[in-house]
Amino acid sequence: MVVDHELNDLKREFLDEAREKVTEIQTALDGVHDHEARERVTYLAHQLKGSGGSYGYERISTEAAALEKCVESPSLDDARIQQYVVSLRSEIDRAAKELN
């Protein structure tokens, strides 16, 4: 079915962009105690939260929401933040493998 093929192409594009966002999040986390870096991580996580659900990737959306909440917390838990990033990356990789 053509629609399924087109949807899968859109999903692949989303997953590629999601992978890039997670890489940017990882880079920004080096300065997560800096206000601008925190805002950037929060923004990217928020984008992943919304778009993940739109494409039917609830786990990506859930992990991104948890990351967003954790980064917004006054007491930063670096280990938990890293755990969410690792989970996001593995969920994106898993979803990409399912499309192939």
Protein backbone atom coordinates (compact mmCIF):
# COMPACT_ATOMS: atom_id res chain seq x y z
CA MET A 1 0.00 0.00 0.00
CA VAL A 2 1.38 3.41 -1.00
CA VAL A 3 0.22 5.15 2.16
CA ASP A 4 2.16 2.69 4.35
CA HIS A 5 5.30 3.24 2.28
CA GLU A 6 4.95 7.02 2.57
CA LEU A 7 4.29 6.79 6.31
CA ASN A 8 7.35 4.59 6.76
CA ASP A 9 9.43 7.16 4.87
CA LEU A 10 8.14 9.87 7.22
CA LYS A 11 8.90 7.67 10.22
CA ARG A 12 12.46 7.07 8.97
CA GLU A 13 12.92 10.82 8.53
CA PHE A 14 11.57 11.43 12.05
CA LEU A 15 13.89 8.79 13.53
CA ASP A 16 16.90 10.29 11.73
CA GLU A 17 16.01 13.72 13.12
CA ALA A 18 15.36 12.23 16.56
CA ARG A 19 18.81 10.62 16.51
CA GLU A 20 20.35 14.01 15.66
CA LYS A 21 18.42 15.65 18.52
CA VAL A 22 19.64 13.03 20.98
CA THR A 23 23.20 13.65 19.81
CA GLU A 24 22.68 17.38 20.34
CA ILE A 25 21.18 16.68 23.77
CA GLN A 26 24.24 14.60 24.66
CA THR A 27 26.53 17.46 23.61
CA ALA A 28 24.49 20.05 25.53
CA LEU A 29 24.56 17.87 28.64
CA ASP A 30 28.24 18.63 29.02
CA GLY A 31 27.08 22.08 30.12
CA VAL A 32 23.76 21.05 31.67
CA HIS A 33 24.50 23.12 34.75
CA ASP A 34 24.60 26.16 32.45
CA HIS A 35 21.20 27.85 31.99
CA GLU A 36 21.33 27.98 28.17
CA ALA A 37 22.35 24.33 27.87
CA ARG A 38 19.53 23.29 30.19
CA GLU A 39 17.03 25.27 28.15
CA ARG A 40 18.28 23.66 24.94
CA VAL A 41 18.02 20.14 26.36
CA THR A 42 14.52 20.92 27.67
CA TYR A 43 13.48 22.29 24.26
CA LEU A 44 14.80 19.27 22.34
CA ALA A 45 13.27 16.80 24.79
CA HIS A 46 9.95 18.63 24.50
CA GLN A 47 10.08 18.37 20.69
CA LEU A 48 10.79 14.64 20.88
CA LYS A 49 7.98 14.18 23.38
CA GLY A 50 5.44 15.73 21.01
CA SER A 51 6.61 14.35 17.72
CA GLY A 52 7.31 10.86 19.07
CA GLY A 53 3.68 10.44 20.01
CA SER A 54 2.54 11.84 16.66
CA TYR A 55 4.38 9.06 14.85
CA GLY A 56 3.14 6.37 17.21
CA TYR A 57 6.37 6.05 19.18
CA GLU A 58 4.95 6.26 22.68
CA ARG A 59 8.16 5.06 24.36
CA ILE A 60 10.19 7.79 22.68
CA SER A 61 7.58 10.29 23.81
CA THR A 62 7.54 8.91 27.37
CA GLU A 63 11.34 8.86 27.68
CA ALA A 64 11.60 12.39 26.28
CA ALA A 65 8.94 13.62 28.73
CA ALA A 66 10.84 12.05 31.62
CA LEU A 67 14.08 13.65 30.41
CA GLU A 68 12.38 17.03 30.09
CA LYS A 69 10.98 16.80 33.61
CA CYS A 70 14.32 15.65 35.04
CA VAL A 71 16.25 18.51 33.42
CA GLU A 72 13.67 21.05 34.63
CA SER A 73 14.01 19.78 38.19
CA PRO A 74 15.86 22.16 40.52
CA SER A 75 18.08 19.30 41.72
CA LEU A 76 19.82 17.87 38.68
CA ASP A 77 20.41 14.14 38.78
CA ASP A 78 23.12 13.67 36.15
CA ALA A 79 22.96 9.88 36.33
CA ARG A 80 19.19 9.81 35.70
CA ILE A 81 19.52 12.33 32.88
CA GLN A 82 22.15 10.13 31.21
CA GLN A 83 19.93 7.09 31.71
CA TYR A 84 17.06 8.81 29.87
CA VAL A 85 19.38 9.78 27.02
CA VAL A 86 20.63 6.20 26.68
CA SER A 87 17.03 4.92 26.78
CA LEU A 88 15.97 7.41 24.12
CA ARG A 89 18.84 6.44 21.84
CA SER A 90 18.16 2.71 22.19
CA GLU A 91 14.42 3.22 21.62
CA ILE A 92 15.13 5.21 18.45
CA ASP A 93 17.51 2.48 17.23
CA ARG A 94 14.95 -0.23 18.01
CA ALA A 95 12.21 1.64 16.13
CA ALA A 96 14.51 2.15 13.14
CA LYS A 97 15.34 -1.58 12.99
CA GLU A 98 11.63 -2.42 12.98
CA LEU A 99 11.11 -0.23 9.90
CA ASN A 100 13.78 -2.06 7.87
